[in-house]
Structures are given as structure tokens and as C-alpha cells.
């Protein structure tokens, strides 16, 4: 499982004693806030209520390391907090000097015909349709289906046909990323996108992920206030989108 490798790499990356300033498992995003010698860093992960079977957590004493250790837990609550913690560490160390401050869809060139979108993301889907790509849009949550959305059960069958994949980074949380990468063996581009994709690109080396497109939180305190109030748009207003190559 890729998450097991990511947690080991993240724990090996930490070279100072971080302060765990704040954390919360909530809607629409779970977050972890840390502070080190270079300042504060906020990591988030989308909360997937449809995945929650029971509300429990084995963590007795919250620490950054304890959170990261649970990143590959079978418990979705522990897994979500764990990935948010990995993202917090990633955002602390991330180097954005080589980042492209663009939308993810701008990576796709005209020589690409078939594109898979993992997770029905209307802004991305609408943009790609306007540009004339042949789209397969997969979604697990029936509440997000429309007439042109495919069940995620068809991913195994159709992904070998596509030349590019734009995947909501929540696929790391629901345990499908390993399968998506294996089935997308003919894709030139495999891009993880969304706030959950704040992960350090270096941690993904050796996988088929080619790019991460996420957001750097510029105003941490205001972003946390908006997260506590359940305001996704407010949170995104305090952030800046970027794309990085793995």
C-alpha cells in the first residue's frame, strides 16, 4: 500500500521537533497545524463521510508522529488525520520555486485524446469538455453522479485506454490510488489534484504519479477559522494554487 511507504518516508524526513499547534477531524476538511524553525505549516485532507463506518480512534496521546503512524490505518478517521499530518510536514518542507502557478488542466496538451477524471470535479470536467477531450469521469459517491458520470467500478476496465489521468487526491484516502496507478499504465500524465494533494512531490518518486496540483495556504490563521466554520470557499480564498512535477 502506497500510504505505508509515504508514512515511512515522511517520518524519515523530519529533522526537527515540530510543535503540534492544532488539529481537527471535521467537515469539509480535516487539518493539522504544525510549527518549526521556519514557521507554521497547515496540512489538510478531505473528509469522506460516506466512508465512515464507525466513529472511533485508537490514538490516546495526539502527537504529529502518532498521526503519521496511522496514515495507512484501516480506520478512515485515523487515515484522514494521518494524511493531513503528512501534508503538514510536506507543506513545511515544500519548495515552490519551480512551481507553475496554473490550473491543473493547463498541463494537458493537444496530442492527448482520452482523459480520465477520478472524482466528479465539475470545474475540471467542464473545462476539459470545452477543450474537446474524450472524457471518462468516474465517481464513487452516488450523490455526485450526473448523467455522464461512470461508477468507479469501471476504472479497472477503462483506465488502460487513457493517455492522461486527473485524480482527486482523495483517492489516497479511499485506498484506490495503488490500483489507479497500476491500471493507468499507458498514461503520459497522472496528476493528483485538490487540497488533499499537498503532499511533497519527492515522496511520490518511483510511482507513476507525474504531477501534484494543490494549494499553498498563505494565511494560516484565517484559513483555520474558515475550516472551523465549514467554509470551503473561504479556506481556498486564503490559498494559492500550484502545480509541481514529481
Protein backbone atom coordinates (compact mmCIF):
# COMPACT_ATOMS: atom_id res chain seq x y z
CA UNK A 1 0.00 0.00 0.00
CA UNK A 2 1.45 3.33 -1.08
CA UNK A 3 0.33 5.09 2.11
CA UNK A 4 2.53 2.76 4.16
CA UNK A 5 5.56 3.85 2.11
CA UNK A 6 4.58 7.52 2.33
CA UNK A 7 4.35 7.46 6.11
CA UNK A 8 7.82 5.87 6.43
CA UNK A 9 9.34 8.43 4.07
CA UNK A 10 7.67 11.28 5.94
CA UNK A 11 8.86 10.08 9.34
CA UNK A 12 12.38 9.79 7.90
CA UNK A 13 12.15 13.32 6.53
CA UNK A 14 11.50 15.00 9.89
CA UNK A 15 14.73 16.54 11.17
CA UNK A 16 13.46 18.81 13.96
CA UNK A 17 10.98 18.78 16.82
CA UNK A 18 7.74 20.20 15.46
CA UNK A 19 5.11 21.72 17.72
CA UNK A 20 1.64 20.30 17.10
CA UNK A 21 -0.35 23.54 17.38
CA UNK A 22 -3.82 22.45 16.34
CA UNK A 23 -5.77 19.68 14.62
CA UNK A 24 -9.34 18.75 13.85
CA UNK A 25 -11.28 15.96 12.18
CA UNK A 26 -14.21 17.75 10.59
CA UNK A 27 -16.13 18.81 7.51
CA UNK A 28 -15.33 19.58 4.79
CA UNK A 29 -11.63 19.11 5.62
CA UNK A 30 -9.56 17.60 8.39
CA UNK A 31 -6.48 19.64 9.21
CA UNK A 32 -3.20 19.50 11.15
CA UNK A 33 -1.20 22.63 12.01
CA UNK A 34 2.49 22.39 12.95
CA UNK A 35 5.27 24.86 13.69
CA UNK A 36 9.02 24.54 13.24
CA UNK A 37 12.07 26.76 12.95
CA UNK A 38 10.90 28.05 9.55
CA UNK A 39 7.37 28.86 10.69
CA UNK A 40 3.92 27.31 10.53
CA UNK A 41 2.53 24.82 8.02
CA UNK A 42 -1.04 23.66 7.53
CA UNK A 43 -1.91 20.28 6.06
CA UNK A 44 -5.43 19.26 5.09
CA UNK A 45 -7.23 16.17 3.85
CA UNK A 46 -10.77 15.90 2.55
CA UNK A 47 -13.12 14.20 4.99
CA UNK A 48 -15.12 11.41 3.33
CA UNK A 49 -18.27 10.93 5.45
CA UNK A 50 -19.59 8.23 3.13
CA UNK A 51 -16.54 6.09 4.04
CA UNK A 52 -17.04 6.30 7.80
CA UNK A 53 -18.38 3.10 9.30
CA UNK A 54 -17.81 3.86 12.96
CA UNK A 55 -16.59 6.82 14.95
CA UNK A 56 -13.60 5.68 16.97
CA UNK A 57 -9.89 6.36 17.15
CA UNK A 58 -7.07 4.42 18.82
CA UNK A 59 -4.84 7.47 19.40
CA UNK A 60 -4.63 8.18 23.13
CA UNK A 61 -1.99 10.95 23.11
CA UNK A 62 -2.09 13.15 19.99
CA UNK A 63 1.34 13.83 18.51
CA UNK A 64 2.48 14.52 14.97
CA UNK A 65 4.27 11.18 14.82
CA UNK A 66 1.26 9.30 16.20
CA UNK A 67 -0.91 10.83 13.49
CA UNK A 68 1.53 9.93 10.70
CA UNK A 69 1.85 6.36 12.00
CA UNK A 70 -1.91 5.93 11.39
CA UNK A 71 -1.77 7.10 7.75
CA UNK A 72 -2.26 3.54 6.47
CA UNK A 73 -4.81 2.54 9.12
CA UNK A 74 -7.95 0.66 8.08
CA UNK A 75 -9.82 3.22 10.18
CA UNK A 76 -10.78 6.08 7.82
CA UNK A 77 -10.71 8.66 10.64
CA UNK A 78 -7.14 7.74 11.58
CA UNK A 79 -6.16 7.58 7.91
CA UNK A 80 -7.56 11.05 7.23
CA UNK A 81 -5.78 12.66 10.18
CA UNK A 82 -2.61 10.78 9.20
CA UNK A 83 -2.65 12.12 5.65
CA UNK A 84 -3.36 15.65 6.90
CA UNK A 85 -0.28 15.28 9.12
CA UNK A 86 1.83 14.07 6.18
CA UNK A 87 0.59 17.07 4.22
CA UNK A 88 1.52 19.44 7.05
CA UNK A 89 5.09 18.12 7.04
CA UNK A 90 5.11 18.26 3.23
CA UNK A 91 3.96 21.88 3.19
CA UNK A 92 6.67 22.78 5.71
CA UNK A 93 9.44 21.40 3.50
CA UNK A 94 7.95 22.02 0.06
CA UNK A 95 9.97 24.12 -2.41
CA UNK A 96 7.70 26.14 -4.67
CA UNK A 97 10.49 27.87 -6.62
CA UNK A 98 9.87 25.52 -9.56
CA UNK A 99 6.08 25.55 -9.22
CA UNK A 100 3.76 26.52 -12.03
CA UNK A 101 1.03 28.78 -10.71
CA UNK A 102 -1.58 27.42 -13.09
CA UNK A 103 -4.70 25.25 -13.07
CA UNK A 104 -4.12 21.53 -13.41
CA UNK A 105 -5.95 21.27 -16.74
CA UNK A 106 -3.36 23.50 -18.40
CA UNK A 107 -0.89 20.60 -18.34
CA UNK A 108 -2.81 18.66 -20.96
CA UNK A 109 -1.50 19.14 -24.50
CA UNK A 110 -3.43 18.79 -27.75
CA UNK A 111 -1.85 15.42 -28.59
CA UNK A 112 -3.80 13.84 -25.72
CA UNK A 113 -7.21 12.49 -26.69
CA UNK A 114 -8.61 10.32 -23.87
CA UNK A 115 -8.60 11.62 -20.30
CA UNK A 116 -9.85 10.00 -17.10
CA UNK A 117 -11.08 12.19 -14.26
CA UNK A 118 -11.19 10.35 -10.94
CA UNK A 119 -13.83 12.06 -8.84
CA UNK A 120 -16.52 14.22 -10.42
CA UNK A 121 -14.96 17.69 -10.20
CA UNK A 122 -17.32 19.95 -12.22
CA UNK A 123 -14.88 22.85 -12.87
CA UNK A 124 -12.23 20.48 -14.24
CA UNK A 125 -14.73 18.33 -16.14
CA UNK A 126 -16.38 21.38 -17.71
CA UNK A 127 -13.04 22.83 -18.82
CA UNK A 128 -11.91 19.55 -20.38
CA UNK A 129 -15.21 19.07 -22.22
CA UNK A 130 -14.94 22.56 -23.69
CA UNK A 131 -11.45 21.71 -24.96
CA UNK A 132 -12.77 18.64 -26.75
CA UNK A 133 -11.10 15.79 -24.86
CA UNK A 134 -12.74 12.35 -24.77
CA UNK A 135 -13.60 12.02 -21.07
CA UNK A 136 -14.25 9.20 -18.67
CA UNK A 137 -15.48 10.72 -15.40
CA UNK A 138 -15.53 8.25 -12.51
CA UNK A 139 -17.20 8.82 -9.16
CA UNK A 140 -17.69 6.60 -6.10
CA UNK A 141 -20.24 8.73 -4.26
CA UNK A 142 -23.71 8.37 -5.91
CA UNK A 143 -24.67 11.81 -4.60
CA UNK A 144 -22.13 13.32 -7.01
CA UNK A 145 -23.24 11.40 -10.09
CA UNK A 146 -24.78 13.03 -13.16
CA UNK A 147 -25.88 11.55 -16.49
CA UNK A 148 -22.33 11.42 -17.84
CA UNK A 149 -20.65 10.07 -14.70
CA UNK A 150 -19.41 6.49 -14.55
CA UNK A 151 -19.26 4.30 -11.47
CA UNK A 152 -15.73 3.87 -10.12
CA UNK A 153 -16.21 0.11 -10.60
CA UNK A 154 -15.41 0.72 -14.29
CA UNK A 155 -11.99 2.22 -13.59
CA UNK A 156 -10.27 -1.16 -13.72
CA UNK A 157 -11.70 -1.79 -17.18
CA UNK A 158 -11.27 1.61 -18.84
CA UNK A 159 -8.12 3.19 -17.38
CA UNK A 160 -5.67 1.31 -19.67
CA UNK A 161 -7.23 3.22 -22.61
CA UNK A 162 -6.45 6.75 -21.41
CA UNK A 163 -3.45 8.96 -22.05
CA UNK A 164 -3.91 11.22 -19.03
CA UNK A 165 -5.42 10.89 -15.57
CA UNK A 166 -6.53 13.74 -13.35
CA UNK A 167 -7.32 12.20 -9.98
CA UNK A 168 -8.77 13.79 -6.90
CA UNK A 169 -6.13 13.22 -4.24
CA UNK A 170 -8.86 11.78 -2.02
CA UNK A 171 -8.07 8.53 -3.86
CA UNK A 172 -5.20 8.24 -1.37
CA UNK A 173 -7.76 8.20 1.43
CA UNK A 174 -10.19 5.67 -0.01
CA UNK A 175 -7.42 3.21 -0.83
CA UNK A 176 -7.72 3.22 -4.62
CA UNK A 177 -4.53 5.04 -5.65
CA UNK A 178 -2.46 1.86 -5.93
CA UNK A 179 -4.97 0.31 -8.33
CA UNK A 180 -5.37 3.54 -10.32
CA UNK A 181 -1.63 3.79 -10.90
CA UNK A 182 -1.34 0.14 -11.89
CA UNK A 183 -4.24 0.33 -14.39
CA UNK A 184 -3.13 3.69 -15.88
CA UNK A 185 0.00 2.13 -17.35
CA UNK A 186 -0.41 3.87 -20.71
CA UNK A 187 -0.99 7.36 -19.33
CA UNK A 188 1.61 10.04 -20.09
CA UNK A 189 0.32 12.19 -17.24
CA UNK A 190 -1.01 11.10 -13.86
CA UNK A 191 -1.88 14.14 -11.81
CA UNK A 192 -3.11 14.25 -8.21
CA UNK A 193 -5.18 17.34 -7.59
CA UNK A 194 -7.09 19.13 -4.86
CA UNK A 195 -6.23 20.30 -1.34
CA UNK A 196 -5.62 16.70 -0.23
CA UNK A 197 -2.77 16.59 -2.74
CA UNK A 198 -0.49 18.88 -0.70
CA UNK A 199 2.00 16.04 -0.45
CA UNK A 200 5.68 16.63 -1.11
CA UNK A 201 6.38 15.50 -4.71
CA UNK A 202 9.63 13.81 -3.68
CA UNK A 203 7.62 11.35 -1.61
CA UNK A 204 5.95 10.12 -4.80
CA UNK A 205 9.13 9.37 -6.74
CA UNK A 206 9.16 5.83 -8.06
CA UNK A 207 5.40 5.79 -8.60
CA UNK A 208 3.58 6.63 -11.83
CA UNK A 209 2.37 9.95 -10.42
CA UNK A 210 3.85 12.68 -12.64
CA UNK A 211 2.43 15.87 -11.09
CA UNK A 212 0.71 17.21 -8.00
CA UNK A 213 -1.64 20.17 -8.20
CA UNK A 214 -2.74 21.59 -4.89
CA UNK A 215 -2.79 24.79 -2.87
CA UNK A 216 -0.37 26.52 -0.54
CA UNK A 217 -2.12 28.13 2.42
CA UNK A 218 -0.84 31.70 2.60
CA UNK A 219 -2.92 33.00 5.53
CA UNK A 220 -2.93 30.15 8.02
CA UNK A 221 -4.98 31.67 10.84
CA UNK A 222 -7.79 32.87 8.57
CA UNK A 223 -7.81 29.54 6.72
CA UNK A 224 -8.22 27.65 10.01
CA UNK A 225 -11.04 29.94 11.08
CA UNK A 226 -12.87 29.22 7.83
CA UNK A 227 -12.23 25.49 8.17
CA UNK A 228 -13.70 25.53 11.67
CA UNK A 229 -16.75 27.30 10.26
CA UNK A 230 -17.10 24.70 7.47
CA UNK A 231 -16.41 27.28 4.77
CA UNK A 232 -14.53 25.58 1.94
CA UNK A 233 -14.55 28.64 -0.30
CA UNK A 234 -13.21 30.79 2.49
CA UNK A 235 -10.40 28.32 3.07
CA UNK A 236 -9.49 28.28 -0.62
CA UNK A 237 -9.51 32.10 -0.72
CA UNK A 238 -6.59 32.08 1.74
CA UNK A 239 -4.58 29.76 -0.52
CA UNK A 240 -2.76 29.80 -3.85
CA UNK A 241 -2.93 27.03 -6.45
CA UNK A 242 0.25 25.45 -7.78
CA UNK A 243 1.40 22.54 -9.96
CA UNK A 244 4.65 20.66 -9.32
CA UNK A 245 6.30 17.90 -11.31
CA UNK A 246 7.29 14.74 -9.45
